[in-house]
Amino acid sequence: MLHHLIKAGFNPNVLTLGDVRTGIPLMATLLQCGPWNEMAYNVLANDLHIDFSIRTPYLLVNILHVATAPSLKALQCVEQGIPLAAAGTAAAGHTLLHITSQCNFAFPAQMELLGYLLPSRKRYQGH
């Protein structure tokens, strides 16, 4: 169905105006499908028109912030399209480390993400 929508001219970068907490459909593949929908993510991420730099209105969250929620694998997959340095901070000043520390998922998965991000700090802080 996603392939059909893209062929029909669906804009993968569309942002809803009604709910400032939602992002582009690419972000939804990471958050709103129960387990991470890697297949849908790949379809959208490979679209020629996708813009990885889009931030949500108000909260200023980008795809890297969202990718810390599902797993390290999700973050590494997203990192192929946009460098960690592009994450910057969200509106509340949260970095990737802040968001990972606050995620509500199993402790081993959280430690795996933190173990990946801590040595990468210079990359995602733009140093």
PDB file of N, CA and C in Angstrom:
ATOM      1  N   MET A   1       0.816  -1.183   0.000  1.00  0.00           N
ATOM      2  CA  MET A   1       0.000   0.000   0.000  1.00  0.00           C
ATOM      3  C   MET A   1       0.866   1.256   0.000  1.00  0.00           C
ATOM      4  N   LEU A   2       1.950   1.234   0.756  1.00  0.00           N
ATOM      5  CA  LEU A   2       2.838   2.388   0.826  1.00  0.00           C
ATOM      6  C   LEU A   2       3.466   2.685  -0.534  1.00  0.00           C
ATOM      7  N   HIS A   3       3.870   1.637  -1.242  1.00  0.00           N
ATOM      8  CA  HIS A   3       4.412   1.815  -2.598  1.00  0.00           C
ATOM      9  C   HIS A   3       3.364   2.479  -3.498  1.00  0.00           C
ATOM     10  N   HIS A   4       2.123   2.039  -3.384  1.00  0.00           N
ATOM     11  CA  HIS A   4       1.035   2.600  -4.191  1.00  0.00           C
ATOM     12  C   HIS A   4       0.848   4.096  -3.894  1.00  0.00           C
ATOM     13  N   LEU A   5       0.862   4.463  -2.616  1.00  0.00           N
ATOM     14  CA  LEU A   5       0.690   5.861  -2.237  1.00  0.00           C
ATOM     15  C   LEU A   5       1.824   6.730  -2.774  1.00  0.00           C
ATOM     16  N   ILE A   6       3.037   6.232  -2.710  1.00  0.00           N
ATOM     17  CA  ILE A   6       4.180   7.003  -3.216  1.00  0.00           C
ATOM     18  C   ILE A   6       4.083   7.164  -4.726  1.00  0.00           C
ATOM     19  N   LYS A   7       3.715   6.099  -5.425  1.00  0.00           N
ATOM     20  CA  LYS A   7       3.551   6.194  -6.878  1.00  0.00           C
ATOM     21  C   LYS A   7       2.428   7.158  -7.247  1.00  0.00           C
ATOM     22  N   ALA A   8       1.438   7.290  -6.376  1.00  0.00           N
ATOM     23  CA  ALA A   8       0.309   8.190  -6.631  1.00  0.00           C
ATOM     24  C   ALA A   8       0.631   9.643  -6.273  1.00  0.00           C
ATOM     25  N   GLY A   9       1.852   9.892  -5.800  1.00  0.00           N
ATOM     26  CA  GLY A   9       2.269  11.254  -5.520  1.00  0.00           C
ATOM     27  C   GLY A   9       2.217  11.669  -4.059  1.00  0.00           C
ATOM     28  N   PHE A  10       2.053  10.719  -3.144  1.00  0.00           N
ATOM     29  CA  PHE A  10       2.044  11.007  -1.710  1.00  0.00           C
ATOM     30  C   PHE A  10       3.364  11.685  -1.320  1.00  0.00           C
ATOM     31  N   ASN A  11       3.270  12.777  -0.593  1.00  0.00           N
ATOM     32  CA  ASN A  11       4.455  13.489  -0.131  1.00  0.00           C
ATOM     33  C   ASN A  11       4.905  12.874   1.191  1.00  0.00           C
ATOM     34  N   PRO A  12       6.068  12.217   1.216  1.00  0.00           N
ATOM     35  CA  PRO A  12       6.512  11.559   2.447  1.00  0.00           C
ATOM     36  C   PRO A  12       6.957  12.535   3.531  1.00  0.00           C
ATOM     37  N   ASN A  13       6.990  13.823   3.227  1.00  0.00           N
ATOM     38  CA  ASN A  13       7.426  14.822   4.191  1.00  0.00           C
ATOM     39  C   ASN A  13       6.273  15.622   4.792  1.00  0.00           C
ATOM     40  N   VAL A  14       5.050  15.201   4.549  1.00  0.00           N
ATOM     41  CA  VAL A  14       3.893  15.954   5.015  1.00  0.00           C
ATOM     42  C   VAL A  14       3.829  15.952   6.547  1.00  0.00           C
ATOM     43  N   LEU A  15       3.571  17.116   7.096  1.00  0.00           N
ATOM     44  CA  LEU A  15       3.411  17.275   8.539  1.00  0.00           C
ATOM     45  C   LEU A  15       1.962  17.623   8.825  1.00  0.00           C
ATOM     46  N   THR A  16       1.371  16.975   9.797  1.00  0.00           N
ATOM     47  CA  THR A  16       0.007  17.295  10.176  1.00  0.00           C
ATOM     48  C   THR A  16      -0.019  18.634  10.902  1.00  0.00           C
ATOM     49  N   LEU A  17      -1.012  19.431  10.653  1.00  0.00           N
ATOM     50  CA  LEU A  17      -1.127  20.725  11.316  1.00  0.00           C
ATOM     51  C   LEU A  17      -1.966  20.639  12.589  1.00  0.00           C
ATOM     52  N   GLY A  18      -2.693  19.549  12.747  1.00  0.00           N
ATOM     53  CA  GLY A  18      -3.608  19.437  13.876  1.00  0.00           C
ATOM     54  C   GLY A  18      -2.982  18.967  15.166  1.00  0.00           C
ATOM     55  N   ASP A  19      -1.889  18.258  15.118  1.00  0.00           N
ATOM     56  CA  ASP A  19      -1.296  17.694  16.329  1.00  0.00           C
ATOM     57  C   ASP A  19       0.206  17.952  16.287  1.00  0.00           C
ATOM     58  N   VAL A  20       0.690  18.834  17.130  1.00  0.00           N
ATOM     59  CA  VAL A  20       2.104  19.214  17.104  1.00  0.00           C
ATOM     60  C   VAL A  20       3.025  18.117  17.622  1.00  0.00           C
ATOM     61  N   ARG A  21       2.470  17.053  18.181  1.00  0.00           N
ATOM     62  CA  ARG A  21       3.305  15.961  18.689  1.00  0.00           C
ATOM     63  C   ARG A  21       3.684  14.969  17.600  1.00  0.00           C
ATOM     64  N   THR A  22       3.021  15.001  16.484  1.00  0.00           N
ATOM     65  CA  THR A  22       3.308  14.035  15.429  1.00  0.00           C
ATOM     66  C   THR A  22       4.295  14.606  14.437  1.00  0.00           C
ATOM     67  N   GLY A  23       4.976  13.737  13.762  1.00  0.00           N
ATOM     68  CA  GLY A  23       5.950  14.165  12.769  1.00  0.00           C
ATOM     69  C   GLY A  23       5.580  13.661  11.396  1.00  0.00           C
ATOM     70  N   ILE A  24       6.591  13.514  10.574  1.00  0.00           N
ATOM     71  CA  ILE A  24       6.372  13.006   9.227  1.00  0.00           C
ATOM     72  C   ILE A  24       6.112  11.503   9.293  1.00  0.00           C
ATOM     73  N   PRO A  25       5.545  10.923   8.244  1.00  0.00           N
ATOM     74  CA  PRO A  25       5.261   9.485   8.249  1.00  0.00           C
ATOM     75  C   PRO A  25       6.484   8.614   8.583  1.00  0.00           C
ATOM     76  N   LEU A  26       7.671   9.072   8.211  1.00  0.00           N
ATOM     77  CA  LEU A  26       8.888   8.331   8.533  1.00  0.00           C
ATOM     78  C   LEU A  26       9.035   8.160  10.040  1.00  0.00           C
ATOM     79  N   MET A  27       8.702   9.188  10.800  1.00  0.00           N
ATOM     80  CA  MET A  27       8.751   9.112  12.266  1.00  0.00           C
ATOM     81  C   MET A  27       7.693   8.145  12.792  1.00  0.00           C
ATOM     82  N   ALA A  28       6.548   8.138  12.153  1.00  0.00           N
ATOM     83  CA  ALA A  28       5.462   7.262  12.594  1.00  0.00           C
ATOM     84  C   ALA A  28       5.842   5.789  12.483  1.00  0.00           C
ATOM     85  N   THR A  29       6.675   5.443  11.520  1.00  0.00           N
ATOM     86  CA  THR A  29       7.077   4.035  11.382  1.00  0.00           C
ATOM     87  C   THR A  29       7.864   3.570  12.600  1.00  0.00           C
ATOM     88  N   LEU A  30       8.469   4.511  13.308  1.00  0.00           N
ATOM     89  CA  LEU A  30       9.255   4.182  14.492  1.00  0.00           C
ATOM     90  C   LEU A  30       8.429   4.191  15.773  1.00  0.00           C
ATOM     91  N   LEU A  31       7.314   4.900  15.766  1.00  0.00           N
ATOM     92  CA  LEU A  31       6.573   5.105  17.011  1.00  0.00           C
ATOM     93  C   LEU A  31       5.172   4.530  17.056  1.00  0.00           C
ATOM     94  N   GLN A  32       4.455   4.536  15.944  1.00  0.00           N
ATOM     95  CA  GLN A  32       3.032   4.287  16.017  1.00  0.00           C
ATOM     96  C   GLN A  32       2.582   2.954  15.443  1.00  0.00           C
ATOM     97  N   CYS A  33       3.463   2.023  15.342  1.00  0.00           N
ATOM     98  CA  CYS A  33       3.099   0.730  14.752  1.00  0.00           C
ATOM     99  C   CYS A  33       3.372  -0.416  15.708  1.00  0.00           C
ATOM    100  N   GLY A  34       3.302  -0.169  17.011  1.00  0.00           N
ATOM    101  CA  GLY A  34       3.680  -1.229  17.945  1.00  0.00           C
ATOM    102  C   GLY A  34       5.172  -1.426  17.819  1.00  0.00           C
ATOM    103  N   PRO A  35       5.614  -2.622  17.438  1.00  0.00           N
ATOM    104  CA  PRO A  35       7.052  -2.773  17.181  1.00  0.00           C
ATOM    105  C   PRO A  35       7.450  -1.925  15.977  1.00  0.00           C
ATOM    106  N   TRP A  36       8.698  -1.529  15.935  1.00  0.00           N
ATOM    107  CA  TRP A  36       9.229  -0.715  14.851  1.00  0.00           C
ATOM    108  C   TRP A  36       8.941  -1.370  13.512  1.00  0.00           C
ATOM    109  N   ASN A  37       8.368  -0.608  12.592  1.00  0.00           N
ATOM    110  CA  ASN A  37       8.006  -1.128  11.278  1.00  0.00           C
ATOM    111  C   ASN A  37       9.152  -0.843  10.307  1.00  0.00           C
ATOM    112  N   GLU A  38      10.157  -1.704  10.329  1.00  0.00           N
ATOM    113  CA  GLU A  38      11.365  -1.501   9.535  1.00  0.00           C
ATOM    114  C   GLU A  38      11.074  -1.504   8.039  1.00  0.00           C
ATOM    115  N   MET A  39      10.160  -2.337   7.599  1.00  0.00           N
ATOM    116  CA  MET A  39       9.845  -2.400   6.175  1.00  0.00           C
ATOM    117  C   MET A  39       9.243  -1.074   5.690  1.00  0.00           C
ATOM    118  N   ALA A  40       8.297  -0.530   6.419  1.00  0.00           N
ATOM    119  CA  ALA A  40       7.692   0.751   6.043  1.00  0.00           C
ATOM    120  C   ALA A  40       8.729   1.867   6.135  1.00  0.00           C
ATOM    121  N   TYR A  41       9.568   1.820   7.158  1.00  0.00           N
ATOM    122  CA  TYR A  41      10.633   2.819   7.290  1.00  0.00           C
ATOM    123  C   TYR A  41      11.517   2.808   6.042  1.00  0.00           C
ATOM    124  N   ASN A  42      11.944   1.626   5.612  1.00  0.00           N
ATOM    125  CA  ASN A  42      12.833   1.515   4.448  1.00  0.00           C
ATOM    126  C   ASN A  42      12.180   2.035   3.174  1.00  0.00           C
ATOM    127  N   VAL A  43      10.897   1.770   2.990  1.00  0.00           N
ATOM    128  CA  VAL A  43      10.188   2.271   1.804  1.00  0.00           C
ATOM    129  C   VAL A  43      10.226   3.799   1.790  1.00  0.00           C
ATOM    130  N   LEU A  44       9.907   4.419   2.919  1.00  0.00           N
ATOM    131  CA  LEU A  44       9.884   5.878   2.992  1.00  0.00           C
ATOM    132  C   LEU A  44      11.293   6.480   2.954  1.00  0.00           C
ATOM    133  N   ALA A  45      12.233   5.862   3.662  1.00  0.00           N
ATOM    134  CA  ALA A  45      13.601   6.388   3.720  1.00  0.00           C
ATOM    135  C   ALA A  45      14.281   6.360   2.359  1.00  0.00           C
ATOM    136  N   ASN A  46      13.880   5.440   1.505  1.00  0.00           N
ATOM    137  CA  ASN A  46      14.492   5.331   0.186  1.00  0.00           C
ATOM    138  C   ASN A  46      13.797   6.184  -0.872  1.00  0.00           C
ATOM    139  N   ASP A  47      12.730   6.884  -0.486  1.00  0.00           N
ATOM    140  CA  ASP A  47      12.054   7.771  -1.428  1.00  0.00           C
ATOM    141  C   ASP A  47      12.982   8.950  -1.747  1.00  0.00           C
ATOM    142  N   LEU A  48      13.055   9.325  -3.002  1.00  0.00           N
ATOM    143  CA  LEU A  48      13.954  10.398  -3.432  1.00  0.00           C
ATOM    144  C   LEU A  48      13.617  11.754  -2.808  1.00  0.00           C
ATOM    145  N   HIS A  49      12.385  11.930  -2.358  1.00  0.00           N
ATOM    146  CA  HIS A  49      11.945  13.216  -1.834  1.00  0.00           C
ATOM    147  C   HIS A  49      12.012  13.326  -0.310  1.00  0.00           C
ATOM    148  N   ILE A  50      12.423  12.261   0.362  1.00  0.00           N
ATOM    149  CA  ILE A  50      12.408  12.282   1.826  1.00  0.00           C
ATOM    150  C   ILE A  50      13.401  13.307   2.356  1.00  0.00           C
ATOM    151  N   ASP A  51      13.003  14.015   3.394  1.00  0.00           N
ATOM    152  CA  ASP A  51      13.854  15.027   4.016  1.00  0.00           C
ATOM    153  C   ASP A  51      14.074  14.627   5.473  1.00  0.00           C
ATOM    154  N   PHE A  52      15.254  14.106   5.760  1.00  0.00           N
ATOM    155  CA  PHE A  52      15.574  13.648   7.111  1.00  0.00           C
ATOM    156  C   PHE A  52      15.733  14.798   8.108  1.00  0.00           C
ATOM    157  N   SER A  53      15.882  16.023   7.625  1.00  0.00           N
ATOM    158  CA  SER A  53      16.152  17.149   8.527  1.00  0.00           C
ATOM    159  C   SER A  53      14.895  17.793   9.101  1.00  0.00           C
ATOM    160  N   ILE A  54      13.718  17.365   8.688  1.00  0.00           N
ATOM    161  CA  ILE A  54      12.469  17.963   9.181  1.00  0.00           C
ATOM    162  C   ILE A  54      12.339  17.758  10.684  1.00  0.00           C
ATOM    163  N   ARG A  55      11.921  18.820  11.359  1.00  0.00           N
ATOM    164  CA  ARG A  55      11.645  18.763  12.800  1.00  0.00           C
ATOM    165  C   ARG A  55      10.158  19.005  13.016  1.00  0.00           C
ATOM    166  N   THR A  56       9.635  18.427  14.075  1.00  0.00           N
ATOM    167  CA  THR A  56       8.221  18.632  14.384  1.00  0.00           C
ATOM    168  C   THR A  56       8.015  20.072  14.852  1.00  0.00           C
ATOM    169  N   PRO A  57       6.834  20.617  14.587  1.00  0.00           N
ATOM    170  CA  PRO A  57       6.558  21.962  15.109  1.00  0.00           C
ATOM    171  C   PRO A  57       6.527  21.919  16.637  1.00  0.00           C
ATOM    172  N   TYR A  58       6.847  22.980  17.248  1.00  0.00           N
ATOM    173  CA  TYR A  58       6.777  23.181  18.684  1.00  0.00           C
ATOM    174  C   TYR A  58       7.839  22.395  19.458  1.00  0.00           C
ATOM    175  N   LEU A  59       7.860  21.065  19.369  1.00  0.00           N
ATOM    176  CA  LEU A  59       8.821  20.269  20.141  1.00  0.00           C
ATOM    177  C   LEU A  59      10.201  20.197  19.483  1.00  0.00           C
ATOM    178  N   LEU A  60      10.270  20.491  18.187  1.00  0.00           N
ATOM    179  CA  LEU A  60      11.513  20.494  17.417  1.00  0.00           C
ATOM    180  C   LEU A  60      12.277  19.166  17.460  1.00  0.00           C
ATOM    181  N   VAL A  61      11.538  18.100  17.388  1.00  0.00           N
ATOM    182  CA  VAL A  61      12.109  16.756  17.393  1.00  0.00           C
ATOM    183  C   VAL A  61      12.360  16.335  15.952  1.00  0.00           C
ATOM    184  N   ASN A  62      13.513  15.699  15.701  1.00  0.00           N
ATOM    185  CA  ASN A  62      13.760  15.170  14.364  1.00  0.00           C
ATOM    186  C   ASN A  62      13.804  13.643  14.405  1.00  0.00           C
ATOM    187  N   ILE A  63      14.050  13.044  13.273  1.00  0.00           N
ATOM    188  CA  ILE A  63      13.997  11.580  13.149  1.00  0.00           C
ATOM    189  C   ILE A  63      14.991  10.884  14.073  1.00  0.00           C
ATOM    190  N   LEU A  64      16.140  11.483  14.341  1.00  0.00           N
ATOM    191  CA  LEU A  64      17.121  10.862  15.234  1.00  0.00           C
ATOM    192  C   LEU A  64      16.602  10.794  16.665  1.00  0.00           C
ATOM    193  N   HIS A  65      15.919  11.841  17.113  1.00  0.00           N
ATOM    194  CA  HIS A  65      15.335  11.811  18.456  1.00  0.00           C
ATOM    195  C   HIS A  65      14.312  10.682  18.559  1.00  0.00           C
ATOM    196  N   VAL A  66      13.503  10.551  17.540  1.00  0.00           N
ATOM    197  CA  VAL A  66      12.459   9.524  17.522  1.00  0.00           C
ATOM    198  C   VAL A  66      13.076   8.131  17.466  1.00  0.00           C
ATOM    199  N   ALA A  67      14.184   7.991  16.758  1.00  0.00           N
ATOM    200  CA  ALA A  67      14.800   6.674  16.562  1.00  0.00           C
ATOM    201  C   ALA A  67      15.398   6.095  17.829  1.00  0.00           C
ATOM    202  N   THR A  68      15.594   6.917  18.854  1.00  0.00           N
ATOM    203  CA  THR A  68      16.136   6.358  20.101  1.00  0.00           C
ATOM    204  C   THR A  68      15.092   5.525  20.839  1.00  0.00           C
ATOM    205  N   ALA A  69      13.812   5.700  20.501  1.00  0.00           N
ATOM    206  CA  ALA A  69      12.754   4.995  21.228  1.00  0.00           C
ATOM    207  C   ALA A  69      12.722   3.489  20.959  1.00  0.00           C
ATOM    208  N   PRO A  70      12.745   3.024  19.701  1.00  0.00           N
ATOM    209  CA  PRO A  70      12.574   1.586  19.482  1.00  0.00           C
ATOM    210  C   PRO A  70      13.769   0.723  19.866  1.00  0.00           C
ATOM    211  N   SER A  71      14.970   1.074  19.373  1.00  0.00           N
ATOM    212  CA  SER A  71      16.114   0.192  19.609  1.00  0.00           C
ATOM    213  C   SER A  71      17.376   0.795  19.022  1.00  0.00           C
ATOM    214  N   LEU A  72      18.502   0.211  19.376  1.00  0.00           N
ATOM    215  CA  LEU A  72      19.779   0.610  18.790  1.00  0.00           C
ATOM    216  C   LEU A  72      19.770   0.345  17.292  1.00  0.00           C
ATOM    217  N   LYS A  73      19.184  -0.769  16.881  1.00  0.00           N
ATOM    218  CA  LYS A  73      19.119  -1.099  15.454  1.00  0.00           C
ATOM    219  C   LYS A  73      18.374  -0.003  14.680  1.00  0.00           C
ATOM    220  N   ALA A  74      17.296   0.503  15.250  1.00  0.00           N
ATOM    221  CA  ALA A  74      16.538   1.569  14.593  1.00  0.00           C
ATOM    222  C   ALA A  74      17.390   2.827  14.468  1.00  0.00           C
ATOM    223  N   LEU A  75      18.084   3.198  15.531  1.00  0.00           N
ATOM    224  CA  LEU A  75      18.931   4.384  15.490  1.00  0.00           C
ATOM    225  C   LEU A  75      20.035   4.223  14.448  1.00  0.00           C
ATOM    226  N   GLN A  76      20.666   3.058  14.390  1.00  0.00           N
ATOM    227  CA  GLN A  76      21.726   2.829  13.407  1.00  0.00           C
ATOM    228  C   GLN A  76      21.179   2.862  11.984  1.00  0.00           C
ATOM    229  N   CYS A  77      19.980   2.391  11.795  1.00  0.00           N
ATOM    230  CA  CYS A  77      19.342   2.432  10.474  1.00  0.00           C
ATOM    231  C   CYS A  77      19.084   3.881  10.062  1.00  0.00           C
ATOM    232  N   VAL A  78      18.563   4.684  10.971  1.00  0.00           N
ATOM    233  CA  VAL A  78      18.294   6.092  10.682  1.00  0.00           C
ATOM    234  C   VAL A  78      19.604   6.840  10.433  1.00  0.00           C
ATOM    235  N   GLU A  79      20.630   6.473  11.163  1.00  0.00           N
ATOM    236  CA  GLU A  79      21.931   7.138  11.032  1.00  0.00           C
ATOM    237  C   GLU A  79      22.523   6.976   9.625  1.00  0.00           C
ATOM    238  N   GLN A  80      22.068   6.005   8.883  1.00  0.00           N
ATOM    239  CA  GLN A  80      22.528   5.836   7.503  1.00  0.00           C
ATOM    240  C   GLN A  80      22.018   6.969   6.612  1.00  0.00           C
ATOM    241  N   GLY A  81      20.913   7.598   6.992  1.00  0.00           N
ATOM    242  CA  GLY A  81      20.332   8.679   6.201  1.00  0.00           C
ATOM    243  C   GLY A  81      20.662  10.063   6.709  1.00  0.00           C
ATOM    244  N   ILE A  82      21.037  10.170   7.977  1.00  0.00           N
ATOM    245  CA  ILE A  82      21.322  11.476   8.579  1.00  0.00           C
ATOM    246  C   ILE A  82      22.338  11.262   9.699  1.00  0.00           C
ATOM    247  N   PRO A  83      23.411  12.064   9.731  1.00  0.00           N
ATOM    248  CA  PRO A  83      24.434  11.864  10.762  1.00  0.00           C
ATOM    249  C   PRO A  83      23.929  12.238  12.161  1.00  0.00           C
ATOM    250  N   LEU A  84      24.492  11.607  13.172  1.00  0.00           N
ATOM    251  CA  LEU A  84      24.088  11.894  14.548  1.00  0.00           C
ATOM    252  C   LEU A  84      24.238  13.378  14.889  1.00  0.00           C
ATOM    253  N   ALA A  85      25.207  14.053  14.292  1.00  0.00           N
ATOM    254  CA  ALA A  85      25.428  15.476  14.570  1.00  0.00           C
ATOM    255  C   ALA A  85      24.220  16.325  14.211  1.00  0.00           C
ATOM    256  N   ALA A  86      23.371  15.846  13.317  1.00  0.00           N
ATOM    257  CA  ALA A  86      22.190  16.605  12.903  1.00  0.00           C
ATOM    258  C   ALA A  86      21.085  16.583  13.957  1.00  0.00           C
ATOM    259  N   ALA A  87      21.221  15.768  14.973  1.00  0.00           N
ATOM    260  CA  ALA A  87      20.177  15.672  16.000  1.00  0.00           C
ATOM    261  C   ALA A  87      20.028  16.979  16.764  1.00  0.00           C
ATOM    262  N   GLY A  88      21.131  17.577  17.147  1.00  0.00           N
ATOM    263  CA  GLY A  88      21.038  18.797  17.935  1.00  0.00           C
ATOM    264  C   GLY A  88      20.203  18.569  19.181  1.00  0.00           C
ATOM    265  N   THR A  89      19.489  19.599  19.588  1.00  0.00           N
ATOM    266  CA  THR A  89      18.628  19.465  20.759  1.00  0.00           C
ATOM    267  C   THR A  89      17.183  19.735  20.374  1.00  0.00           C
ATOM    268  N   ALA A  90      16.293  19.127  21.118  1.00  0.00           N
ATOM    269  CA  ALA A  90      14.865  19.374  20.933  1.00  0.00           C
ATOM    270  C   ALA A  90      14.522  20.689  21.644  1.00  0.00           C
ATOM    271  N   ALA A  91      13.284  21.135  21.562  1.00  0.00           N
ATOM    272  CA  ALA A  91      12.867  22.423  22.122  1.00  0.00           C
ATOM    273  C   ALA A  91      13.153  22.520  23.619  1.00  0.00           C
ATOM    274  N   ALA A  92      13.032  21.436  24.336  1.00  0.00           N
ATOM    275  CA  ALA A  92      13.279  21.454  25.776  1.00  0.00           C
ATOM    276  C   ALA A  92      14.767  21.327  26.105  1.00  0.00           C
ATOM    277  N   GLY A  93      15.618  21.319  25.074  1.00  0.00           N
ATOM    278  CA  GLY A  93      17.054  21.224  25.288  1.00  0.00           C
ATOM    279  C   GLY A  93      17.566  19.797  25.391  1.00  0.00           C
ATOM    280  N   HIS A  94      16.717  18.839  25.102  1.00  0.00           N
ATOM    281  CA  HIS A  94      17.122  17.435  25.226  1.00  0.00           C
ATOM    282  C   HIS A  94      17.991  16.987  24.058  1.00  0.00           C
ATOM    283  N   THR A  95      19.082  16.314  24.392  1.00  0.00           N
ATOM    284  CA  THR A  95      19.957  15.703  23.401  1.00  0.00           C
ATOM    285  C   THR A  95      19.557  14.243  23.250  1.00  0.00           C
ATOM    286  N   LEU A  96      20.249  13.535  22.372  1.00  0.00           N
ATOM    287  CA  LEU A  96      19.973  12.101  22.218  1.00  0.00           C
ATOM    288  C   LEU A  96      20.198  11.351  23.531  1.00  0.00           C
ATOM    289  N   LEU A  97      21.208  11.735  24.295  1.00  0.00           N
ATOM    290  CA  LEU A  97      21.455  11.068  25.580  1.00  0.00           C
ATOM    291  C   LEU A  97      20.315  11.312  26.560  1.00  0.00           C
ATOM    292  N   HIS A  98      19.809  12.534  26.611  1.00  0.00           N
ATOM    293  CA  HIS A  98      18.672  12.832  27.493  1.00  0.00           C
ATOM    294  C   HIS A  98      17.475  11.959  27.132  1.00  0.00           C
ATOM    295  N   ILE A  99      17.168  11.918  25.855  1.00  0.00           N
ATOM    296  CA  ILE A  99      15.986  11.179  25.401  1.00  0.00           C
ATOM    297  C   ILE A  99      16.145   9.690  25.667  1.00  0.00           C
ATOM    298  N   THR A 100      17.323   9.148  25.395  1.00  0.00           N
ATOM    299  CA  THR A 100      17.565   7.730  25.647  1.00  0.00           C
ATOM    300  C   THR A 100      17.421   7.411  27.127  1.00  0.00           C
ATOM    301  N   SER A 101      17.909   8.294  27.974  1.00  0.00           N
ATOM    302  CA  SER A 101      17.828   8.079  29.423  1.00  0.00           C
ATOM    303  C   SER A 101      16.390   8.111  29.924  1.00  0.00           C
ATOM    304  N   GLN A 102      15.505   8.824  29.225  1.00  0.00           N
ATOM    305  CA  GLN A 102      14.123   8.964  29.654  1.00  0.00           C
ATOM    306  C   GLN A 102      13.179   7.949  29.019  1.00  0.00           C
ATOM    307  N   CYS A 103      13.660   7.220  28.018  1.00  0.00           N
ATOM    308  CA  CYS A 103      12.780   6.271  27.321  1.00  0.00           C
ATOM    309  C   CYS A 103      12.253   5.227  28.280  1.00  0.00           C
ATOM    310  N   ASN A 104      11.038   4.823  28.039  1.00  0.00           N
ATOM    311  CA  ASN A 104      10.368   3.860  28.895  1.00  0.00           C
ATOM    312  C   ASN A 104      10.419   2.473  28.248  1.00  0.00           C
ATOM    313  N   PHE A 105      11.633   1.895  28.192  1.00  0.00           N
ATOM    314  CA  PHE A 105      11.752   0.545  27.666  1.00  0.00           C
ATOM    315  C   PHE A 105      12.712  -0.246  28.529  1.00  0.00           C
ATOM    316  N   ALA A 106      12.883  -1.483  28.205  1.00  0.00           N
ATOM    317  CA  ALA A 106      13.669  -2.401  29.030  1.00  0.00           C
ATOM    318  C   ALA A 106      15.079  -1.858  29.286  1.00  0.00           C
ATOM    319  N   PHE A 107      15.531  -2.020  30.491  1.00  0.00           N
ATOM    320  CA  PHE A 107      16.840  -1.518  30.904  1.00  0.00           C
ATOM    321  C   PHE A 107      17.983  -2.011  30.013  1.00  0.00           C
ATOM    322  N   PRO A 108      18.047  -3.297  29.630  1.00  0.00           N
ATOM    323  CA  PRO A 108      19.152  -3.724  28.754  1.00  0.00           C
ATOM    324  C   PRO A 108      19.169  -2.986  27.412  1.00  0.00           C
ATOM    325  N   ALA A 109      18.000  -2.726  26.842  1.00  0.00           N
ATOM    326  CA  ALA A 109      17.941  -2.001  25.575  1.00  0.00           C
ATOM    327  C   ALA A 109      18.395  -0.562  25.769  1.00  0.00           C
ATOM    328  N   GLN A 110      18.016   0.031  26.882  1.00  0.00           N
ATOM    329  CA  GLN A 110      18.425   1.395  27.194  1.00  0.00           C
ATOM    330  C   GLN A 110      19.945   1.461  27.368  1.00  0.00           C
ATOM    331  N   MET A 111      20.520   0.494  28.052  1.00  0.00           N
ATOM    332  CA  MET A 111      21.971   0.464  28.255  1.00  0.00           C
ATOM    333  C   MET A 111      22.707   0.255  26.936  1.00  0.00           C
ATOM    334  N   GLU A 112      22.130  -0.536  26.048  1.00  0.00           N
ATOM    335  CA  GLU A 112      22.741  -0.753  24.736  1.00  0.00           C
ATOM    336  C   GLU A 112      22.798   0.571  23.961  1.00  0.00           C
ATOM    337  N   LEU A 113      21.710   1.329  23.967  1.00  0.00           N
ATOM    338  CA  LEU A 113      21.674   2.631  23.297  1.00  0.00           C
ATOM    339  C   LEU A 113      22.659   3.612  23.941  1.00  0.00           C
ATOM    340  N   LEU A 114      22.670   3.670  25.253  1.00  0.00           N
ATOM    341  CA  LEU A 114      23.595   4.574  25.936  1.00  0.00           C
ATOM    342  C   LEU A 114      25.044   4.193  25.648  1.00  0.00           C
ATOM    343  N   GLY A 115      25.331   2.892  25.616  1.00  0.00           N
ATOM    344  CA  GLY A 115      26.679   2.419  25.302  1.00  0.00           C
ATOM    345  C   GLY A 115      27.115   2.815  23.900  1.00  0.00           C
ATOM    346  N   TYR A 116      26.164   2.917  23.006  1.00  0.00           N
ATOM    347  CA  TYR A 116      26.463   3.337  21.627  1.00  0.00           C
ATOM    348  C   TYR A 116      26.650   4.853  21.550  1.00  0.00           C
ATOM    349  N   LEU A 117      25.788   5.594  22.239  1.00  0.00           N
ATOM    350  CA  LEU A 117      25.815   7.053  22.140  1.00  0.00           C
ATOM    351  C   LEU A 117      26.966   7.695  22.916  1.00  0.00           C
ATOM    352  N   LEU A 118      27.315   7.167  24.069  1.00  0.00           N
ATOM    353  CA  LEU A 118      28.369   7.792  24.873  1.00  0.00           C
ATOM    354  C   LEU A 118      29.693   7.911  24.116  1.00  0.00           C
ATOM    355  N   PRO A 119      30.202   6.860  23.478  1.00  0.00           N
ATOM    356  CA  PRO A 119      31.446   7.026  22.717  1.00  0.00           C
ATOM    357  C   PRO A 119      31.253   7.888  21.467  1.00  0.00           C
ATOM    358  N   SER A 120      30.020   8.082  21.050  1.00  0.00           N
ATOM    359  CA  SER A 120      29.719   8.838  19.830  1.00  0.00           C
ATOM    360  C   SER A 120      29.432  10.310  20.102  1.00  0.00           C
ATOM    361  N   ARG A 121      29.558  10.743  21.353  1.00  0.00           N
ATOM    362  CA  ARG A 121      29.164  12.106  21.725  1.00  0.00           C
ATOM    363  C   ARG A 121      29.761  13.162  20.830  1.00  0.00           C
ATOM    364  N   LYS A 122      31.007  13.047  20.491  1.00  0.00           N
ATOM    365  CA  LYS A 122      31.625  14.080  19.637  1.00  0.00           C
ATOM    366  C   LYS A 122      30.973  14.114  18.257  1.00  0.00           C
ATOM    367  N   ARG A 123      30.539  12.956  17.755  1.00  0.00           N
ATOM    368  CA  ARG A 123      29.882  12.934  16.458  1.00  0.00           C
ATOM    369  C   ARG A 123      28.530  13.609  16.505  1.00  0.00           C
ATOM    370  N   TYR A 124      27.746  13.348  17.552  1.00  0.00           N
ATOM    371  CA  TYR A 124      26.398  13.912  17.548  1.00  0.00           C
ATOM    372  C   TYR A 124      26.338  15.298  18.160  1.00  0.00           C
ATOM    373  N   GLN A 125      27.403  15.745  18.797  1.00  0.00           N
ATOM    374  CA  GLN A 125      27.426  17.120  19.279  1.00  0.00           C
ATOM    375  C   GLN A 125      28.079  18.044  18.264  1.00  0.00           C
ATOM    376  N   GLY A 126      28.528  17.474  17.144  1.00  0.00           N
ATOM    377  CA  GLY A 126      29.078  18.276  16.076  1.00  0.00           C
ATOM    378  C   GLY A 126      30.515  18.727  16.297  1.00  0.00           C
ATOM    379  N   HIS A 127      31.259  18.024  17.150  1.00  0.00           N
ATOM    380  CA  HIS A 127      32.666  18.375  17.390  1.00  0.00           C
ATOM    381  C   HIS A 127      33.566  17.607  16.466  1.00  0.00           C
TER     382      HIS A 127
END
